[in-house]
Amino acid sequence: MKKKVIVFGGSGFLGSHVADTLTNNGYEVTVFDLEDSPYLKKTQKMIRGDIMDVDSVNKAVSGSDYVYNFAGIADIDEANRKPLDTVRFNILGNSIILEAARKAKVKRFVFASSVYVYSKAGAFYRSSKQACELLIENYHELYGMPYTILRYGSLYGARSDEKNFIYQIIRQAITHGKITRQGDGEEIREYIHVHDAAMGSVEILAEEFANQCVMVTGDQRMKMKDLLIMVREMLNNKIEIEYLPSKSDVHYEITPYVFAPKIARKIVNKTYFDIGEGILNCIQDIYKEINPPPAHTGAVLKKRKHDR
C-alpha cells in the first residue's frame, strides 16, 4: 500500500516540485493550497483550502503518513511589508498544521525553514522560521512528534516567479537589456536548482533524518557579480549591469551564520544541476514566457482547383 503524503503549499514553486518528486517515488500525494495547482499530476489529489481553517486542515491531514508544510509567506520583502500576516500565516498557520499532524499521529512532519535562521538578517521572515522551529521541537519533546526541518538556501529553476531573484534578473535582462542589483556584487550565494532541492526533500524521509535539521543548499558557491556576468554572457554580452547602494541589511552578504539554533546536517545529492546549465534553462523558459509563439488558429487553407 502506498504511503500517503499531504503537501501544504503544494501549488507553489518548491512545493509543486516536491509533490511531483514524491509522486515519482511512489507516494500517494495530496496537495493543499489556496489555489489549484497548475502542475497537478493525474494521480495527485487537490484540496483548495486555507491553513487558518482548523477543521479543513484536520480533515485534510487525517489518514496521512507524512505532512510537508511549504505554506505561508516565503518572500523576505513581503514579510517586511506584512509583519502581522507573517506571524499569522507562518507561525499560527504552521501550528495549526502541527496540531493536526499530532492528532493524526503522522510518521513525520516536514517543515520548510531557511538558512536565514542562522543569521541576524531576514527580519520578520527569519523570526517566523525560528519560532516555528522551536515550536516543532516542543511538539517533539512533549508529544513525541517525529519531524525533519529543512533549511533551504537560495533556490532557482522552473515554475519560479517574480519573487525569485534569478527569475527577476533574467526577466529584467530580457525586457530591459539591463540588470540592476543592490549591493556591490561581492555577496556570495550557494544556489541550488529546485529539482535538486526537491530530490533532497524526499530523501530525508529516510529514518536517519528523523528529528533532524537538514540544510538543503547548493554545492557551487558563487559571487553575485559572477552570476550576473554569466547571465550577460549567455545573452551575447548585450546586457548592462548596474550596482546600486543597498537600502537595507535584511539579506546576508557572505554567510548567514551568526546565530545557530540547532546544528543541521547538509544533504548532498550524488548528481546535481550545473548552475550554468540551470541558468540557461531559466533564460530559455523566461524568454518563451515573455515571447510566446503565435497561437494556432486552426484555419486550413483549401487547395484551389487549378493548384497542383
Protein backbone atom coordinates (compact mmCIF):
# COMPACT_ATOMS: atom_id res chain seq x y z
CA MET A 1 0.00 0.00 0.00
CA LYS A 2 1.29 3.44 -0.93
CA LYS A 3 2.26 5.85 1.86
CA LYS A 4 0.03 8.93 1.95
CA VAL A 5 1.57 12.40 1.91
CA ILE A 6 -0.08 15.80 2.09
CA VAL A 7 1.84 18.84 0.88
CA PHE A 8 0.63 22.18 2.21
CA GLY A 9 1.58 24.97 -0.17
CA GLY A 10 1.96 22.33 -2.87
CA SER A 11 0.80 24.61 -5.69
CA GLY A 12 3.83 26.86 -5.33
CA PHE A 13 7.36 26.93 -6.71
CA LEU A 14 9.14 24.49 -4.39
CA GLY A 15 6.07 22.70 -3.05
CA SER A 16 4.90 21.61 -6.50
CA HIS A 17 8.31 20.14 -7.33
CA VAL A 18 8.40 18.24 -4.04
CA ALA A 19 4.87 16.94 -4.70
CA ASP A 20 5.99 15.68 -8.11
CA THR A 21 9.11 14.04 -6.70
CA LEU A 22 7.02 12.29 -4.04
CA THR A 23 4.64 11.00 -6.72
CA ASN A 24 7.56 9.80 -8.84
CA ASN A 25 8.86 7.90 -5.82
CA GLY A 26 5.62 6.01 -5.33
CA TYR A 27 3.82 8.07 -2.68
CA GLU A 28 0.11 8.91 -2.79
CA VAL A 29 0.13 12.70 -2.82
CA THR A 30 -2.47 15.29 -1.84
CA VAL A 31 -1.81 18.98 -2.49
CA PHE A 32 -3.43 21.53 -0.14
CA ASP A 33 -3.33 25.17 -1.21
CA LEU A 34 -5.41 28.30 -1.62
CA GLU A 35 -5.28 27.92 -5.41
CA ASP A 36 -5.49 24.91 -7.68
CA SER A 37 -2.06 23.73 -8.75
CA PRO A 38 -1.37 24.27 -12.46
CA TYR A 39 1.16 21.44 -12.18
CA LEU A 40 -1.12 18.82 -10.61
CA LYS A 41 -0.47 15.30 -11.88
CA LYS A 42 -3.37 12.99 -12.73
CA THR A 43 -2.60 10.74 -9.76
CA GLN A 44 -2.45 13.63 -7.28
CA LYS A 45 -5.41 14.90 -5.28
CA MET A 46 -6.09 18.62 -4.91
CA ILE A 47 -7.69 20.28 -1.89
CA ARG A 48 -8.36 24.01 -2.08
CA GLY A 49 -8.26 25.36 1.44
CA ASP A 50 -6.87 27.84 3.94
CA ILE A 51 -4.34 26.72 6.56
CA MET A 52 -6.09 29.04 9.02
CA ASP A 53 -9.23 26.89 8.77
CA VAL A 54 -8.66 24.38 11.58
CA ASP A 55 -11.44 21.99 10.55
CA SER A 56 -10.29 21.88 6.92
CA VAL A 57 -6.69 21.24 7.94
CA ASN A 58 -7.67 18.50 10.41
CA LYS A 59 -9.80 16.77 7.80
CA ALA A 60 -7.10 17.04 5.13
CA VAL A 61 -4.34 15.64 7.37
CA SER A 62 -6.39 12.74 8.72
CA GLY A 63 -5.06 9.43 7.41
CA SER A 64 -1.76 10.89 6.18
CA ASP A 65 1.56 9.20 6.86
CA TYR A 66 3.67 12.29 6.16
CA VAL A 67 2.97 16.02 6.23
CA TYR A 68 5.02 18.68 4.40
CA ASN A 69 4.48 22.37 5.10
CA PHE A 70 5.56 24.89 2.46
CA ALA A 71 2.63 27.25 3.11
CA GLY A 72 2.92 30.83 4.30
CA ILE A 73 4.84 33.94 3.28
CA ALA A 74 8.18 32.93 1.79
CA ASP A 75 9.42 36.28 0.45
CA ILE A 76 11.54 38.43 2.78
CA ASP A 77 10.40 41.76 1.35
CA GLU A 78 6.74 40.73 1.51
CA ALA A 79 7.23 39.60 5.11
CA ASN A 80 8.65 43.02 5.99
CA ARG A 81 5.64 44.74 4.43
CA LYS A 82 3.20 42.42 6.21
CA PRO A 83 4.52 41.61 9.68
CA LEU A 84 1.13 40.60 11.14
CA ASP A 85 0.33 38.37 8.18
CA THR A 86 3.78 36.81 8.51
CA VAL A 87 3.08 35.93 12.14
CA ARG A 88 -0.43 34.76 11.31
CA PHE A 89 0.35 32.50 8.34
CA ASN A 90 3.89 31.42 9.09
CA ILE A 91 3.64 30.82 12.84
CA LEU A 92 -0.03 30.28 13.66
CA GLY A 93 -0.68 28.54 10.34
CA ASN A 94 2.19 26.15 10.90
CA SER A 95 0.97 25.50 14.46
CA ILE A 96 -2.49 24.56 13.15
CA ILE A 97 -0.90 22.04 10.77
CA LEU A 98 1.37 20.77 13.55
CA GLU A 99 -1.57 20.11 15.84
CA ALA A 100 -3.45 18.32 13.07
CA ALA A 101 -0.37 16.17 12.42
CA ARG A 102 -0.15 15.31 16.12
CA LYS A 103 -3.78 14.24 16.21
CA ALA A 104 -3.31 12.14 13.08
CA LYS A 105 -0.16 10.52 14.56
CA VAL A 106 1.82 11.05 11.37
CA LYS A 107 5.15 9.32 10.82
CA ARG A 108 6.95 12.58 10.02
CA PHE A 109 6.23 16.31 9.95
CA VAL A 110 8.48 18.08 7.44
CA PHE A 111 8.87 21.84 7.70
CA ALA A 112 10.34 24.23 5.12
CA SER A 113 12.66 26.55 7.03
CA SER A 114 15.55 28.69 5.78
CA VAL A 115 19.30 29.23 6.24
CA TYR A 116 18.27 32.69 7.46
CA VAL A 117 17.55 31.15 10.89
CA TYR A 118 21.31 31.23 11.45
CA SER A 119 21.66 34.96 10.94
CA LYS A 120 20.59 38.37 12.11
CA ALA A 121 19.35 39.14 8.59
CA GLY A 122 15.93 38.26 7.26
CA ALA A 123 13.90 40.32 9.76
CA PHE A 124 10.30 39.05 10.23
CA TYR A 125 10.78 36.17 7.81
CA ARG A 126 13.74 34.85 9.79
CA SER A 127 11.99 35.36 13.11
CA SER A 128 8.92 33.45 11.93
CA LYS A 129 11.05 30.49 10.83
CA GLN A 130 12.97 30.44 14.10
CA ALA A 131 9.71 30.48 16.07
CA CYS A 132 8.32 27.59 14.01
CA GLU A 133 11.47 25.53 14.53
CA LEU A 134 11.19 25.97 18.30
CA LEU A 135 7.52 25.02 18.27
CA ILE A 136 8.25 21.90 16.24
CA GLU A 137 10.93 20.89 18.74
CA ASN A 138 8.41 21.46 21.55
CA TYR A 139 5.92 19.14 19.84
CA HIS A 140 8.62 16.50 19.61
CA GLU A 141 9.66 16.90 23.24
CA LEU A 142 6.13 16.90 24.66
CA TYR A 143 4.27 14.60 22.26
CA GLY A 144 6.99 12.59 20.55
CA MET A 145 6.07 14.03 17.14
CA PRO A 146 8.70 12.92 14.58
CA TYR A 147 9.94 15.78 12.41
CA THR A 148 12.53 16.94 9.91
CA ILE A 149 13.31 20.62 9.46
CA LEU A 150 14.66 21.59 6.04
CA ARG A 151 16.73 24.79 5.93
CA TYR A 152 16.73 25.85 2.30
CA GLY A 153 19.29 28.08 0.67
CA SER A 154 18.77 30.14 -2.48
CA LEU A 155 16.57 28.31 -5.00
CA TYR A 156 16.10 28.80 -8.73
CA GLY A 157 14.57 26.93 -11.64
CA ALA A 158 11.33 26.16 -13.46
CA ARG A 159 7.98 27.42 -12.07
CA SER A 160 9.56 30.35 -10.21
CA ASP A 161 8.05 33.83 -10.43
CA GLU A 162 8.90 37.49 -9.84
CA LYS A 163 9.62 36.80 -6.15
CA ASN A 164 12.61 34.66 -7.12
CA PHE A 165 15.89 36.57 -7.61
CA ILE A 166 17.17 34.55 -10.57
CA TYR A 167 13.80 34.97 -12.29
CA GLN A 168 13.88 38.72 -11.57
CA ILE A 169 17.29 39.37 -13.09
CA ILE A 170 16.70 37.23 -16.18
CA ARG A 171 13.35 38.84 -16.91
CA GLN A 172 14.86 42.28 -16.30
CA ALA A 173 17.72 41.48 -18.67
CA ILE A 174 15.44 40.22 -21.45
CA THR A 175 12.86 43.01 -21.20
CA HIS A 176 15.10 45.99 -20.39
CA GLY A 177 18.56 44.96 -21.52
CA LYS A 178 19.83 45.84 -18.07
CA ILE A 179 20.20 44.24 -14.64
CA THR A 180 20.10 46.42 -11.54
CA ARG A 181 21.43 44.93 -8.32
CA GLN A 182 21.51 46.46 -4.85
CA GLY A 183 24.94 45.81 -3.36
CA ASP A 184 28.46 45.61 -4.77
CA GLY A 185 28.22 42.12 -6.25
CA GLU A 186 30.57 40.59 -3.70
CA GLU A 187 27.69 38.80 -1.95
CA ILE A 188 28.08 35.02 -2.04
CA ARG A 189 25.28 32.51 -2.51
CA GLU A 190 25.06 28.74 -2.83
CA TYR A 191 22.25 28.46 -5.36
CA ILE A 192 20.52 25.10 -5.68
CA HIS A 193 18.29 24.08 -8.55
CA VAL A 194 14.74 23.40 -7.43
CA HIS A 195 14.86 19.86 -8.86
CA ASP A 196 17.88 19.06 -6.68
CA ALA A 197 16.18 20.64 -3.66
CA ALA A 198 13.05 18.56 -4.29
CA MET A 199 15.10 15.35 -4.50
CA GLY A 200 16.75 16.11 -1.17
CA SER A 201 13.38 17.00 0.33
CA VAL A 202 12.14 13.47 -0.35
CA GLU A 203 15.35 11.63 0.54
CA ILE A 204 15.06 12.97 4.10
CA LEU A 205 12.09 10.68 4.76
CA ALA A 206 14.73 8.02 5.45
CA GLU A 207 14.90 7.10 9.12
CA GLU A 208 18.38 8.60 9.55
CA PHE A 209 16.91 12.10 9.09
CA ALA A 210 14.16 11.73 11.69
CA ASN A 211 14.18 14.53 14.29
CA GLN A 212 16.99 16.30 12.45
CA CYS A 213 17.59 19.72 10.95
CA VAL A 214 18.91 19.38 7.40
CA MET A 215 20.49 22.01 5.16
CA VAL A 216 19.39 21.94 1.53
CA THR A 217 21.81 24.25 -0.28
CA GLY A 218 23.89 24.15 -3.43
CA ASP A 219 27.46 22.93 -3.85
CA GLN A 220 28.56 25.76 -6.12
CA ARG A 221 29.47 28.91 -4.21
CA MET A 222 29.29 31.97 -6.43
CA LYS A 223 29.70 35.71 -6.07
CA MET A 224 26.69 37.67 -7.22
CA LYS A 225 28.75 39.61 -9.76
CA ASP A 226 29.94 36.35 -11.33
CA LEU A 227 26.35 35.18 -11.60
CA LEU A 228 25.31 38.41 -13.33
CA ILE A 229 28.28 38.18 -15.71
CA MET A 230 27.23 34.61 -16.55
CA VAL A 231 23.72 35.80 -17.44
CA ARG A 232 25.17 38.64 -19.54
CA GLU A 233 27.43 36.27 -21.46
CA MET A 234 24.52 33.90 -22.13
CA LEU A 235 22.65 36.86 -23.61
CA ASN A 236 25.52 37.70 -26.02
CA ASN A 237 27.11 40.34 -23.76
CA LYS A 238 24.40 42.84 -24.67
CA ILE A 239 23.22 43.37 -21.09
CA GLU A 240 24.22 46.29 -18.90
CA ILE A 241 24.86 45.58 -15.21
CA GLU A 242 24.36 48.35 -12.65
CA TYR A 243 25.13 48.14 -8.92
CA LEU A 244 23.28 50.42 -6.51
CA PRO A 245 23.86 51.11 -2.80
CA SER A 246 21.98 48.61 -0.66
CA LYS A 247 18.90 50.10 1.01
CA SER A 248 18.71 47.57 3.83
CA ASP A 249 20.52 44.74 5.58
CA VAL A 250 17.71 42.17 5.51
CA HIS A 251 19.77 39.96 3.17
CA TYR A 252 23.11 38.46 4.19
CA GLU A 253 26.28 39.15 2.16
CA ILE A 254 28.81 36.34 2.62
CA THR A 255 27.27 33.91 5.06
CA PRO A 256 24.07 33.63 7.10
CA TYR A 257 25.90 32.09 10.06
CA VAL A 258 25.64 34.33 13.09
CA PHE A 259 23.12 32.63 15.36
CA ALA A 260 22.95 28.82 15.37
CA PRO A 261 19.75 27.46 16.96
CA LYS A 262 20.44 23.78 16.32
CA ILE A 263 23.17 22.14 14.30
CA ALA A 264 21.96 20.93 10.91
CA ARG A 265 23.26 18.20 8.65
CA LYS A 266 23.72 19.03 4.98
CA ILE A 267 22.23 16.71 2.40
CA VAL A 268 24.29 16.40 -0.79
CA ASN A 269 22.83 14.84 -3.93
CA LYS A 270 25.02 12.40 -5.85
CA THR A 271 24.21 14.29 -9.03
CA TYR A 272 23.03 17.86 -9.41
CA PHE A 273 22.27 20.54 -11.96
CA ASP A 274 25.30 22.57 -13.00
CA ILE A 275 24.40 26.18 -12.30
CA GLY A 276 25.38 27.26 -15.82
CA GLU A 277 23.04 24.72 -17.40
CA GLY A 278 20.34 25.57 -14.89
CA ILE A 279 20.58 29.31 -15.59
CA LEU A 280 20.49 28.69 -19.35
CA ASN A 281 17.29 26.64 -18.94
CA CYS A 282 15.79 29.51 -16.93
CA ILE A 283 16.67 32.00 -19.66
CA GLN A 284 15.01 29.81 -22.28
CA ASP A 285 11.86 29.35 -20.17
CA ILE A 286 11.51 33.03 -19.29
CA TYR A 287 12.16 34.12 -22.90
CA LYS A 288 9.32 31.82 -24.04
CA GLU A 289 7.11 33.24 -21.29
CA ILE A 290 7.76 36.80 -22.43
CA ASN A 291 7.61 35.94 -26.14
CA PRO A 292 5.00 33.20 -26.55
CA PRO A 293 4.68 31.64 -30.01
CA PRO A 294 1.68 32.80 -32.11
CA ALA A 295 -1.50 30.92 -31.29
CA HIS A 296 -2.51 28.38 -33.92
CA THR A 297 -5.86 29.46 -35.33
CA GLY A 298 -6.76 26.04 -36.62
CA ALA A 299 -7.63 27.51 -40.02
CA VAL A 300 -6.96 25.30 -43.04
CA LEU A 301 -6.40 26.77 -46.50
CA LYS A 302 -8.35 24.86 -49.13
CA LYS A 303 -6.46 23.94 -52.26
CA ARG A 304 -7.77 25.69 -55.35
CA LYS A 305 -8.83 23.53 -58.27
CA HIS A 306 -6.06 24.79 -60.56
CA ASP A 307 -3.35 24.18 -57.94
CA ARG A 308 -1.30 21.07 -58.50
